[in-house]
Amino acid sequence: MNGTNEITREHVQHLVRQNHSLGDRVEALKQRLSSAMATTKSAMSAAGERLTRPGNGEHAIRTLEVNGAAFMGGLVQGKAGPDGAHLLGIPLEAWAGGALEVLAYFNVGGDKLSEHAFNLGDGFLASWSSSMGFQVGSNWRSSGELFGHKDRPALAAASGPSGNGSAVKGEISPQQMAQIVARVRGAAAMHGMGPHG
């Protein structure tokens, strides 16, 4: 029996040591968890203060209005197709943006309404600028020159076909070729570069 008691006593002592060790680990874990919770609470409090600062709500509204108007401008142009929606040769989103900016500048409707008009105008103008930038980049890619060639720079090409005829797409018909030759001859004559100039 003595041997059994010794094994049991040693076993109990081992379990007691393990329990103390486990208790120490649990206590250390509690301290780390408490520290992490305090850090998280502090960070959440700081984030909450930042979110509720004066001006943040207005900034969020501005962001939504500018991006919403830019989306609407792109939506209208996308629905209109490759040639876009224009009035007097100017894209509709440029008209909308310019008109809203003018209304806001002259404070039509008061300060609060003008602020929203500025935001929406900025969005429509951003949509137009983005579309122009895309077209210039596309022309740059196809021509290899940022500003295109002498007679039709990329920035001018970005505004679409010139007023003296439609753009040529696909294969060129004999009639389109005759129009191209006539335009080249006309441009050469304007610059004194005709066959005898």
N, C-alpha and C. Protein backbone atom coordinates (compact mmCIF):
# COMPACT_ATOMS: atom_id res chain seq x y z
N MET A 1 0.81 -1.19 0.00
CA MET A 1 0.00 0.00 0.00
C MET A 1 0.84 1.24 0.00
N ASN A 2 2.00 1.09 0.62
CA ASN A 2 2.89 2.24 0.70
C ASN A 2 3.26 2.72 -0.68
N GLY A 3 3.52 1.80 -1.61
CA GLY A 3 3.90 2.17 -2.98
C GLY A 3 2.76 2.88 -3.70
N THR A 4 1.56 2.46 -3.45
CA THR A 4 0.40 3.08 -4.08
C THR A 4 0.20 4.47 -3.56
N ASN A 5 0.41 4.65 -2.23
CA ASN A 5 0.28 5.99 -1.63
C ASN A 5 1.35 6.93 -2.18
N GLU A 6 2.55 6.43 -2.38
CA GLU A 6 3.63 7.26 -2.92
C GLU A 6 3.30 7.71 -4.33
N ILE A 7 2.80 6.82 -5.16
CA ILE A 7 2.45 7.18 -6.52
C ILE A 7 1.33 8.20 -6.49
N THR A 8 0.40 8.03 -5.66
CA THR A 8 -0.71 8.94 -5.56
C THR A 8 -0.25 10.29 -5.07
N ARG A 9 0.63 10.32 -4.02
CA ARG A 9 1.13 11.58 -3.49
C ARG A 9 1.94 12.31 -4.56
N GLU A 10 2.81 11.59 -5.28
CA GLU A 10 3.59 12.22 -6.35
C GLU A 10 2.68 12.73 -7.46
N HIS A 11 1.69 11.92 -7.74
CA HIS A 11 0.75 12.32 -8.78
C HIS A 11 0.00 13.59 -8.37
N VAL A 12 -0.44 13.64 -7.14
CA VAL A 12 -1.17 14.82 -6.63
C VAL A 12 -0.25 16.03 -6.63
N GLN A 13 0.99 15.87 -6.21
CA GLN A 13 1.93 16.99 -6.21
C GLN A 13 2.16 17.50 -7.64
N HIS A 14 2.26 16.57 -8.56
CA HIS A 14 2.43 16.96 -9.97
C HIS A 14 1.21 17.75 -10.47
N LEU A 15 0.02 17.24 -10.11
CA LEU A 15 -1.21 17.95 -10.51
C LEU A 15 -1.28 19.34 -9.89
N VAL A 16 -0.84 19.47 -8.65
CA VAL A 16 -0.85 20.78 -7.97
C VAL A 16 0.09 21.73 -8.70
N ARG A 17 1.28 21.24 -9.06
CA ARG A 17 2.23 22.10 -9.79
C ARG A 17 1.65 22.52 -11.14
N GLN A 18 1.02 21.56 -11.83
CA GLN A 18 0.41 21.89 -13.11
C GLN A 18 -0.71 22.91 -12.94
N ASN A 19 -1.47 22.76 -11.87
CA ASN A 19 -2.57 23.67 -11.60
C ASN A 19 -2.04 25.08 -11.36
N HIS A 20 -0.95 25.19 -10.59
CA HIS A 20 -0.35 26.51 -10.35
C HIS A 20 0.15 27.10 -11.67
N SER A 21 0.79 26.26 -12.48
CA SER A 21 1.30 26.71 -13.76
C SER A 21 0.15 27.14 -14.67
N LEU A 22 -0.91 26.33 -14.70
CA LEU A 22 -2.09 26.66 -15.49
C LEU A 22 -2.73 27.94 -14.96
N GLY A 23 -2.80 28.10 -13.67
CA GLY A 23 -3.36 29.31 -13.06
C GLY A 23 -2.56 30.54 -13.46
N ASP A 24 -1.21 30.39 -13.47
CA ASP A 24 -0.36 31.51 -13.89
C ASP A 24 -0.61 31.87 -15.36
N ARG A 25 -0.78 30.85 -16.18
CA ARG A 25 -1.05 31.09 -17.60
C ARG A 25 -2.40 31.77 -17.81
N VAL A 26 -3.41 31.30 -17.07
CA VAL A 26 -4.74 31.91 -17.17
C VAL A 26 -4.67 33.36 -16.73
N GLU A 27 -3.96 33.64 -15.67
CA GLU A 27 -3.83 35.01 -15.17
C GLU A 27 -3.12 35.90 -16.20
N ALA A 28 -2.07 35.37 -16.82
CA ALA A 28 -1.34 36.14 -17.85
C ALA A 28 -2.25 36.39 -19.05
N LEU A 29 -3.05 35.38 -19.42
CA LEU A 29 -3.98 35.54 -20.53
C LEU A 29 -5.05 36.58 -20.21
N LYS A 30 -5.56 36.57 -18.97
CA LYS A 30 -6.54 37.57 -18.55
C LYS A 30 -5.96 38.98 -18.66
N GLN A 31 -4.70 39.14 -18.26
CA GLN A 31 -4.06 40.46 -18.33
C GLN A 31 -3.90 40.91 -19.78
N ARG A 32 -3.48 39.99 -20.65
CA ARG A 32 -3.34 40.34 -22.07
C ARG A 32 -4.69 40.70 -22.68
N LEU A 33 -5.71 39.93 -22.35
CA LEU A 33 -7.05 40.19 -22.86
C LEU A 33 -7.57 41.53 -22.36
N SER A 34 -7.34 41.82 -21.11
CA SER A 34 -7.75 43.10 -20.53
C SER A 34 -7.04 44.25 -21.23
N SER A 35 -5.75 44.09 -21.48
CA SER A 35 -4.97 45.11 -22.18
C SER A 35 -5.48 45.31 -23.61
N ALA A 36 -5.78 44.20 -24.31
CA ALA A 36 -6.29 44.29 -25.68
C ALA A 36 -7.65 44.97 -25.70
N MET A 37 -8.49 44.64 -24.73
CA MET A 37 -9.82 45.26 -24.67
C MET A 37 -9.70 46.76 -24.41
N ALA A 38 -8.78 47.16 -23.54
CA ALA A 38 -8.58 48.58 -23.26
C ALA A 38 -8.09 49.31 -24.52
N THR A 39 -7.17 48.68 -25.25
CA THR A 39 -6.65 49.28 -26.48
C THR A 39 -7.75 49.41 -27.52
N THR A 40 -8.56 48.35 -27.66
CA THR A 40 -9.66 48.36 -28.63
C THR A 40 -10.68 49.43 -28.25
N LYS A 41 -11.00 49.53 -26.98
CA LYS A 41 -11.97 50.53 -26.52
C LYS A 41 -11.44 51.94 -26.78
N SER A 42 -10.17 52.14 -26.56
CA SER A 42 -9.55 53.44 -26.82
C SER A 42 -9.57 53.78 -28.30
N ALA A 43 -9.25 52.79 -29.13
CA ALA A 43 -9.25 53.02 -30.58
C ALA A 43 -10.66 53.29 -31.10
N MET A 44 -11.65 52.56 -30.58
CA MET A 44 -13.03 52.78 -31.00
C MET A 44 -13.52 54.15 -30.55
N SER A 45 -13.12 54.56 -29.39
CA SER A 45 -13.50 55.88 -28.89
C SER A 45 -12.90 56.98 -29.77
N ALA A 46 -11.62 56.82 -30.13
CA ALA A 46 -10.96 57.81 -31.00
C ALA A 46 -11.62 57.83 -32.38
N ALA A 47 -11.96 56.66 -32.92
CA ALA A 47 -12.62 56.60 -34.23
C ALA A 47 -14.00 57.25 -34.15
N GLY A 48 -14.71 57.00 -33.07
CA GLY A 48 -16.02 57.62 -32.89
C GLY A 48 -15.93 59.13 -32.81
N GLU A 49 -14.89 59.62 -32.13
CA GLU A 49 -14.69 61.07 -32.06
C GLU A 49 -14.41 61.64 -33.45
N ARG A 50 -13.61 60.93 -34.24
CA ARG A 50 -13.30 61.40 -35.59
C ARG A 50 -14.56 61.41 -36.46
N LEU A 51 -15.38 60.39 -36.32
CA LEU A 51 -16.59 60.30 -37.14
C LEU A 51 -17.62 61.36 -36.78
N THR A 52 -17.63 61.77 -35.52
CA THR A 52 -18.63 62.75 -35.09
C THR A 52 -18.10 64.17 -35.06
N ARG A 53 -16.88 64.38 -35.57
CA ARG A 53 -16.36 65.74 -35.63
C ARG A 53 -17.24 66.60 -36.51
N PRO A 54 -17.34 67.88 -36.21
CA PRO A 54 -18.11 68.77 -37.09
C PRO A 54 -17.47 68.78 -38.48
N GLY A 55 -18.30 68.72 -39.51
CA GLY A 55 -17.81 68.76 -40.88
C GLY A 55 -17.72 67.39 -41.54
N ASN A 56 -17.64 66.32 -40.76
CA ASN A 56 -17.52 65.00 -41.37
C ASN A 56 -18.80 64.59 -42.09
N GLY A 57 -19.95 64.95 -41.53
CA GLY A 57 -21.23 64.65 -42.18
C GLY A 57 -21.34 65.38 -43.50
N GLU A 58 -20.94 66.65 -43.50
CA GLU A 58 -20.98 67.44 -44.73
C GLU A 58 -20.03 66.87 -45.78
N HIS A 59 -18.87 66.40 -45.31
CA HIS A 59 -17.90 65.81 -46.24
C HIS A 59 -18.47 64.54 -46.87
N ALA A 60 -19.15 63.74 -46.07
CA ALA A 60 -19.75 62.51 -46.59
C ALA A 60 -20.83 62.84 -47.63
N ILE A 61 -21.63 63.87 -47.35
CA ILE A 61 -22.67 64.28 -48.29
C ILE A 61 -22.02 64.78 -49.57
N ARG A 62 -20.96 65.60 -49.45
CA ARG A 62 -20.26 66.10 -50.64
C ARG A 62 -19.75 64.94 -51.49
N THR A 63 -19.12 63.96 -50.83
CA THR A 63 -18.57 62.81 -51.55
C THR A 63 -19.68 62.07 -52.30
N LEU A 64 -20.81 61.86 -51.64
CA LEU A 64 -21.93 61.17 -52.30
C LEU A 64 -22.47 61.97 -53.47
N GLU A 65 -22.62 63.29 -53.30
CA GLU A 65 -23.18 64.11 -54.37
C GLU A 65 -22.24 64.19 -55.57
N VAL A 66 -20.95 64.41 -55.32
CA VAL A 66 -19.99 64.50 -56.43
C VAL A 66 -19.94 63.18 -57.18
N ASN A 67 -19.82 62.07 -56.47
CA ASN A 67 -19.73 60.77 -57.13
C ASN A 67 -21.05 60.37 -57.78
N GLY A 68 -22.17 60.73 -57.17
CA GLY A 68 -23.47 60.45 -57.77
C GLY A 68 -23.66 61.19 -59.08
N ALA A 69 -23.27 62.47 -59.11
CA ALA A 69 -23.39 63.25 -60.34
C ALA A 69 -22.44 62.72 -61.41
N ALA A 70 -21.23 62.35 -61.02
CA ALA A 70 -20.28 61.79 -61.98
C ALA A 70 -20.83 60.49 -62.57
N PHE A 71 -21.44 59.68 -61.72
CA PHE A 71 -22.06 58.44 -62.20
C PHE A 71 -23.19 58.75 -63.17
N MET A 72 -24.03 59.72 -62.83
CA MET A 72 -25.16 60.08 -63.71
C MET A 72 -24.65 60.58 -65.06
N GLY A 73 -23.59 61.39 -65.06
CA GLY A 73 -23.02 61.87 -66.31
C GLY A 73 -22.54 60.71 -67.17
N GLY A 74 -21.84 59.76 -66.55
CA GLY A 74 -21.38 58.58 -67.28
C GLY A 74 -22.53 57.72 -67.75
N LEU A 75 -23.57 57.62 -66.94
CA LEU A 75 -24.74 56.84 -67.29
C LEU A 75 -25.42 57.42 -68.54
N VAL A 76 -25.58 58.73 -68.56
CA VAL A 76 -26.21 59.39 -69.72
C VAL A 76 -25.37 59.17 -70.97
N GLN A 77 -24.06 59.35 -70.85
CA GLN A 77 -23.19 59.16 -72.02
C GLN A 77 -23.18 57.70 -72.47
N GLY A 78 -23.18 56.79 -71.51
CA GLY A 78 -23.22 55.37 -71.86
C GLY A 78 -24.51 54.99 -72.57
N LYS A 79 -25.62 55.53 -72.10
CA LYS A 79 -26.92 55.26 -72.72
C LYS A 79 -26.98 55.89 -74.12
N ALA A 80 -26.34 57.05 -74.31
CA ALA A 80 -26.38 57.75 -75.59
C ALA A 80 -25.56 57.01 -76.65
N GLY A 81 -24.60 56.22 -76.24
CA GLY A 81 -23.80 55.47 -77.21
C GLY A 81 -22.45 56.10 -77.47
N PRO A 82 -21.72 55.59 -78.46
CA PRO A 82 -20.34 56.02 -78.71
C PRO A 82 -20.20 57.51 -79.03
N ASP A 83 -21.19 58.09 -79.68
CA ASP A 83 -21.09 59.51 -80.02
C ASP A 83 -21.54 60.40 -78.87
N GLY A 84 -22.17 59.86 -77.84
CA GLY A 84 -22.56 60.61 -76.66
C GLY A 84 -23.75 61.52 -76.89
N ALA A 85 -24.19 62.16 -75.84
CA ALA A 85 -25.31 63.11 -75.89
C ALA A 85 -24.73 64.52 -75.82
N HIS A 86 -25.01 65.31 -76.86
CA HIS A 86 -24.45 66.66 -76.96
C HIS A 86 -25.54 67.69 -77.20
N LEU A 87 -25.29 68.91 -76.81
CA LEU A 87 -26.13 70.05 -77.11
C LEU A 87 -25.19 71.13 -77.64
N LEU A 88 -25.37 71.54 -78.87
CA LEU A 88 -24.49 72.51 -79.52
C LEU A 88 -23.04 72.04 -79.53
N GLY A 89 -22.86 70.73 -79.68
CA GLY A 89 -21.52 70.16 -79.76
C GLY A 89 -20.82 69.98 -78.43
N ILE A 90 -21.50 70.29 -77.33
CA ILE A 90 -20.90 70.18 -76.00
C ILE A 90 -21.65 69.08 -75.25
N PRO A 91 -20.93 68.14 -74.61
CA PRO A 91 -21.59 67.04 -73.90
C PRO A 91 -22.56 67.55 -72.82
N LEU A 92 -23.65 66.82 -72.64
CA LEU A 92 -24.68 67.24 -71.68
C LEU A 92 -24.14 67.37 -70.25
N GLU A 93 -23.20 66.48 -69.87
CA GLU A 93 -22.70 66.58 -68.49
C GLU A 93 -21.89 67.86 -68.28
N ALA A 94 -21.25 68.37 -69.34
CA ALA A 94 -20.53 69.64 -69.23
C ALA A 94 -21.53 70.78 -69.07
N TRP A 95 -22.63 70.73 -69.82
CA TRP A 95 -23.68 71.74 -69.66
C TRP A 95 -24.25 71.70 -68.25
N ALA A 96 -24.59 70.49 -67.78
CA ALA A 96 -25.19 70.36 -66.45
C ALA A 96 -24.22 70.86 -65.38
N GLY A 97 -22.96 70.45 -65.48
CA GLY A 97 -21.97 70.89 -64.50
C GLY A 97 -21.78 72.39 -64.52
N GLY A 98 -21.65 72.97 -65.71
CA GLY A 98 -21.47 74.42 -65.83
C GLY A 98 -22.67 75.19 -65.29
N ALA A 99 -23.87 74.73 -65.62
CA ALA A 99 -25.08 75.41 -65.16
C ALA A 99 -25.19 75.36 -63.63
N LEU A 100 -24.93 74.20 -63.06
CA LEU A 100 -24.99 74.08 -61.59
C LEU A 100 -23.93 74.94 -60.91
N GLU A 101 -22.73 75.00 -61.49
CA GLU A 101 -21.67 75.84 -60.92
C GLU A 101 -22.07 77.32 -60.96
N VAL A 102 -22.67 77.75 -62.06
CA VAL A 102 -23.10 79.15 -62.18
C VAL A 102 -24.19 79.45 -61.16
N LEU A 103 -25.18 78.55 -61.04
CA LEU A 103 -26.24 78.76 -60.04
C LEU A 103 -25.66 78.85 -58.63
N ALA A 104 -24.71 77.98 -58.34
CA ALA A 104 -24.08 78.00 -57.01
C ALA A 104 -23.26 79.26 -56.80
N TYR A 105 -22.53 79.67 -57.84
CA TYR A 105 -21.68 80.86 -57.73
C TYR A 105 -22.52 82.09 -57.40
N PHE A 106 -23.69 82.19 -58.03
CA PHE A 106 -24.55 83.34 -57.78
C PHE A 106 -25.51 83.10 -56.61
N ASN A 107 -25.29 82.01 -55.87
CA ASN A 107 -26.00 81.70 -54.64
C ASN A 107 -27.51 81.62 -54.84
N VAL A 108 -27.92 81.10 -55.99
CA VAL A 108 -29.34 80.94 -56.27
C VAL A 108 -29.88 79.87 -55.33
N GLY A 109 -30.88 80.21 -54.57
CA GLY A 109 -31.49 79.26 -53.64
C GLY A 109 -30.89 79.30 -52.25
N GLY A 110 -29.93 80.14 -51.99
CA GLY A 110 -29.34 80.25 -50.65
C GLY A 110 -28.09 79.42 -50.49
N ASP A 111 -27.46 79.60 -49.33
CA ASP A 111 -26.17 78.96 -49.06
C ASP A 111 -26.23 77.44 -49.12
N LYS A 112 -27.22 76.84 -48.47
CA LYS A 112 -27.28 75.37 -48.39
C LYS A 112 -27.51 74.76 -49.77
N LEU A 113 -28.44 75.34 -50.54
CA LEU A 113 -28.71 74.82 -51.87
C LEU A 113 -27.51 75.04 -52.79
N SER A 114 -26.84 76.18 -52.64
CA SER A 114 -25.66 76.45 -53.46
C SER A 114 -24.56 75.45 -53.19
N GLU A 115 -24.42 75.06 -51.94
CA GLU A 115 -23.40 74.06 -51.59
C GLU A 115 -23.66 72.74 -52.33
N HIS A 116 -24.93 72.33 -52.35
CA HIS A 116 -25.28 71.09 -53.06
C HIS A 116 -25.10 71.27 -54.57
N ALA A 117 -25.43 72.45 -55.10
CA ALA A 117 -25.25 72.70 -56.54
C ALA A 117 -23.78 72.64 -56.91
N PHE A 118 -22.91 73.20 -56.07
CA PHE A 118 -21.46 73.11 -56.32
C PHE A 118 -21.03 71.64 -56.37
N ASN A 119 -21.49 70.86 -55.40
CA ASN A 119 -21.10 69.44 -55.35
C ASN A 119 -21.55 68.69 -56.59
N LEU A 120 -22.81 68.89 -56.97
CA LEU A 120 -23.33 68.19 -58.15
C LEU A 120 -22.64 68.69 -59.42
N GLY A 121 -22.40 70.00 -59.50
CA GLY A 121 -21.69 70.56 -60.65
C GLY A 121 -20.29 70.00 -60.76
N ASP A 122 -19.61 69.88 -59.63
CA ASP A 122 -18.27 69.29 -59.63
C ASP A 122 -18.31 67.85 -60.15
N GLY A 123 -19.34 67.12 -59.77
CA GLY A 123 -19.47 65.73 -60.22
C GLY A 123 -19.70 65.62 -61.71
N PHE A 124 -20.60 66.45 -62.24
CA PHE A 124 -20.85 66.42 -63.69
C PHE A 124 -19.62 66.85 -64.47
N LEU A 125 -18.92 67.88 -63.98
CA LEU A 125 -17.69 68.32 -64.66
C LEU A 125 -16.60 67.26 -64.56
N ALA A 126 -16.54 66.56 -63.42
CA ALA A 126 -15.57 65.46 -63.28
C ALA A 126 -15.87 64.35 -64.27
N SER A 127 -17.15 64.06 -64.48
CA SER A 127 -17.54 63.04 -65.46
C SER A 127 -17.09 63.45 -66.85
N TRP A 128 -17.30 64.70 -67.21
CA TRP A 128 -16.90 65.21 -68.52
C TRP A 128 -15.38 65.17 -68.67
N SER A 129 -14.66 65.63 -67.62
CA SER A 129 -13.19 65.63 -67.67
C SER A 129 -12.64 64.22 -67.79
N SER A 130 -13.24 63.29 -67.08
CA SER A 130 -12.80 61.91 -67.16
C SER A 130 -13.01 61.35 -68.55
N SER A 131 -14.16 61.66 -69.14
CA SER A 131 -14.45 61.20 -70.49
C SER A 131 -13.46 61.80 -71.49
N MET A 132 -13.17 63.08 -71.34
CA MET A 132 -12.18 63.74 -72.21
C MET A 132 -10.81 63.09 -72.05
N GLY A 133 -10.41 62.86 -70.80
CA GLY A 133 -9.13 62.23 -70.54
C GLY A 133 -9.04 60.85 -71.16
N PHE A 134 -10.12 60.09 -71.08
CA PHE A 134 -10.15 58.77 -71.69
C PHE A 134 -9.97 58.87 -73.20
N GLN A 135 -10.67 59.80 -73.82
CA GLN A 135 -10.57 59.95 -75.27
C GLN A 135 -9.17 60.40 -75.70
N VAL A 136 -8.58 61.34 -74.95
CA VAL A 136 -7.22 61.79 -75.28
C VAL A 136 -6.25 60.63 -75.14
N GLY A 137 -6.39 59.86 -74.06
CA GLY A 137 -5.52 58.70 -73.87
C GLY A 137 -5.70 57.66 -74.96
N SER A 138 -6.93 57.45 -75.37
CA SER A 138 -7.20 56.49 -76.44
C SER A 138 -6.59 56.96 -77.75
N ASN A 139 -6.72 58.25 -78.04
CA ASN A 139 -6.12 58.80 -79.26
C ASN A 139 -4.59 58.74 -79.18
N TRP A 140 -4.05 58.98 -78.01
CA TRP A 140 -2.60 58.91 -77.80
C TRP A 140 -2.12 57.49 -78.08
N ARG A 141 -2.88 56.51 -77.55
CA ARG A 141 -2.51 55.11 -77.75
C ARG A 141 -2.52 54.77 -79.24
N SER A 142 -3.54 55.22 -79.97
CA SER A 142 -3.65 54.83 -81.38
C SER A 142 -2.72 55.62 -82.29
N SER A 143 -2.44 56.90 -81.95
CA SER A 143 -1.58 57.71 -82.82
C SER A 143 -0.12 57.66 -82.40
N GLY A 144 0.14 57.30 -81.15
CA GLY A 144 1.51 57.28 -80.65
C GLY A 144 2.00 58.66 -80.23
N GLU A 145 1.15 59.67 -80.33
CA GLU A 145 1.53 61.03 -79.96
C GLU A 145 0.47 61.59 -79.03
N LEU A 146 0.93 62.20 -77.93
CA LEU A 146 0.00 62.76 -76.95
C LEU A 146 -0.88 63.83 -77.57
N PHE A 147 -0.28 64.68 -78.37
CA PHE A 147 -1.05 65.78 -78.94
C PHE A 147 -1.42 65.51 -80.39
N GLY A 148 -1.42 64.24 -80.79
CA GLY A 148 -1.85 63.86 -82.13
C GLY A 148 -0.91 64.38 -83.19
N HIS A 149 -1.42 64.55 -84.38
CA HIS A 149 -0.59 65.09 -85.45
C HIS A 149 -0.96 66.55 -85.66
N LYS A 150 -0.24 67.23 -86.53
CA LYS A 150 -0.34 68.67 -86.72
C LYS A 150 -1.77 69.14 -87.00
N ASP A 151 -2.48 68.46 -87.88
CA ASP A 151 -3.80 68.93 -88.29
C ASP A 151 -4.91 68.54 -87.32
N ARG A 152 -4.69 67.54 -86.50
CA ARG A 152 -5.75 67.10 -85.59
C ARG A 152 -5.12 66.61 -84.30
N PRO A 153 -4.83 67.53 -83.38
CA PRO A 153 -4.22 67.10 -82.12
C PRO A 153 -5.16 66.21 -81.32
N ALA A 154 -4.57 65.41 -80.44
CA ALA A 154 -5.37 64.46 -79.65
C ALA A 154 -6.44 65.18 -78.85
N LEU A 155 -6.13 66.35 -78.32
CA LEU A 155 -7.13 67.08 -77.54
C LEU A 155 -8.30 67.48 -78.42
N ALA A 156 -8.05 67.89 -79.65
CA ALA A 156 -9.15 68.21 -80.57
C ALA A 156 -9.86 66.95 -80.99
N ALA A 157 -9.13 65.89 -81.20
CA ALA A 157 -9.73 64.63 -81.60
C ALA A 157 -10.62 64.08 -80.50
N ALA A 158 -10.31 64.43 -79.26
CA ALA A 158 -11.10 63.93 -78.14
C ALA A 158 -12.51 64.50 -78.15
N SER A 159 -12.70 65.65 -78.78
CA SER A 159 -14.03 66.23 -78.80
C SER A 159 -14.89 65.62 -79.90
N GLY A 160 -14.39 64.62 -80.58
CA GLY A 160 -15.18 63.91 -81.57
C GLY A 160 -14.90 64.40 -82.97
N PRO A 161 -15.72 63.99 -83.90
CA PRO A 161 -15.49 64.37 -85.29
C PRO A 161 -15.65 65.87 -85.46
N SER A 162 -14.89 66.42 -86.38
CA SER A 162 -14.98 67.86 -86.62
C SER A 162 -16.28 68.16 -87.33
N GLY A 163 -16.63 69.42 -87.38
CA GLY A 163 -17.90 69.83 -87.94
C GLY A 163 -17.98 69.66 -89.44
N ASN A 164 -16.90 69.29 -90.12
CA ASN A 164 -16.94 69.21 -91.58
C ASN A 164 -17.14 67.77 -92.08
N GLY A 165 -17.79 66.95 -91.32
CA GLY A 165 -18.08 65.60 -91.79
C GLY A 165 -18.01 64.61 -90.65
N SER A 166 -18.49 63.42 -90.91
CA SER A 166 -18.49 62.41 -89.86
C SER A 166 -17.16 61.66 -89.85
N ALA A 167 -16.89 61.04 -88.74
CA ALA A 167 -15.66 60.25 -88.61
C ALA A 167 -15.78 59.00 -89.47
N VAL A 168 -14.67 58.55 -89.98
CA VAL A 168 -14.65 57.35 -90.80
C VAL A 168 -14.45 56.17 -89.88
N LYS A 169 -15.34 55.18 -90.01
CA LYS A 169 -15.25 53.98 -89.20
C LYS A 169 -15.32 52.78 -90.13
N GLY A 170 -14.50 51.80 -89.90
CA GLY A 170 -14.52 50.60 -90.74
C GLY A 170 -13.82 50.85 -92.06
N GLU A 171 -14.31 50.20 -93.11
CA GLU A 171 -13.69 50.37 -94.43
C GLU A 171 -14.13 51.68 -95.05
N ILE A 172 -13.25 52.25 -95.89
CA ILE A 172 -13.52 53.54 -96.51
C ILE A 172 -14.15 53.31 -97.88
N SER A 173 -15.30 53.94 -98.09
CA SER A 173 -15.97 53.83 -99.39
C SER A 173 -15.33 54.83 -100.35
N PRO A 174 -15.55 54.69 -101.66
CA PRO A 174 -15.02 55.66 -102.62
C PRO A 174 -15.51 57.08 -102.32
N GLN A 175 -16.75 57.20 -101.88
CA GLN A 175 -17.30 58.52 -101.55
C GLN A 175 -16.55 59.13 -100.35
N GLN A 176 -16.30 58.32 -99.31
CA GLN A 176 -15.57 58.81 -98.15
C GLN A 176 -14.14 59.18 -98.53
N MET A 177 -13.52 58.39 -99.40
CA MET A 177 -12.15 58.71 -99.85
C MET A 177 -12.15 60.04 -100.58
N ALA A 178 -13.15 60.29 -101.42
CA ALA A 178 -13.24 61.57 -102.14
C ALA A 178 -13.39 62.72 -101.16
N GLN A 179 -14.18 62.53 -100.08
CA GLN A 179 -14.34 63.56 -99.06
C GLN A 179 -13.01 63.84 -98.36
N ILE A 180 -12.27 62.79 -98.06
CA ILE A 180 -10.98 62.95 -97.39
C ILE A 180 -10.03 63.74 -98.28
N VAL A 181 -9.95 63.37 -99.56
CA VAL A 181 -9.07 64.07 -100.50
C VAL A 181 -9.48 65.54 -100.60
N ALA A 182 -10.78 65.81 -100.67
CA ALA A 182 -11.26 67.19 -100.75
C ALA A 182 -10.87 67.98 -99.51
N ARG A 183 -10.98 67.36 -98.33
CA ARG A 183 -10.59 68.05 -97.09
C ARG A 183 -9.10 68.35 -97.07
N VAL A 184 -8.29 67.38 -97.48
CA VAL A 184 -6.84 67.58 -97.49
C VAL A 184 -6.49 68.70 -98.46
N ARG A 185 -7.09 68.69 -99.64
CA ARG A 185 -6.82 69.75 -100.62
C ARG A 185 -7.28 71.10 -100.09
N GLY A 186 -8.44 71.12 -99.45
CA GLY A 186 -8.93 72.38 -98.89
C GLY A 186 -8.01 72.91 -97.80
N ALA A 187 -7.54 72.02 -96.93
CA ALA A 187 -6.62 72.44 -95.87
C ALA A 187 -5.31 72.93 -96.45
N ALA A 188 -4.82 72.25 -97.48
CA ALA A 188 -3.56 72.65 -98.10
C ALA A 188 -3.72 74.02 -98.76
N ALA A 189 -4.85 74.26 -99.40
CA ALA A 189 -5.08 75.55 -100.07
C ALA A 189 -5.17 76.67 -99.03
N MET A 190 -5.76 76.39 -97.87
CA MET A 190 -5.87 77.41 -96.81
C MET A 190 -4.49 77.83 -96.32
N HIS A 191 -3.57 76.93 -96.32
CA HIS A 191 -2.23 77.20 -95.79
C HIS A 191 -1.25 77.54 -96.90
N GLY A 192 -1.74 77.79 -98.10
CA GLY A 192 -0.87 78.16 -99.23
C GLY A 192 0.02 77.04 -99.68
N MET A 193 -0.42 75.81 -99.49
CA MET A 193 0.42 74.65 -99.84
C MET A 193 -0.19 73.88 -101.00
N GLY A 194 -0.96 74.55 -101.84
CA GLY A 194 -1.56 73.87 -102.97
C GLY A 194 -0.53 73.40 -103.95
N PRO A 195 -0.95 72.79 -105.08
CA PRO A 195 0.00 72.24 -106.04
C PRO A 195 0.90 73.31 -106.65
N HIS A 196 0.45 74.56 -106.64
CA HIS A 196 1.25 75.63 -107.23
C HIS A 196 1.67 76.64 -106.19
N GLY A 197 1.39 76.41 -104.89
CA GLY A 197 1.66 77.40 -103.84
C GLY A 197 2.92 77.13 -103.21
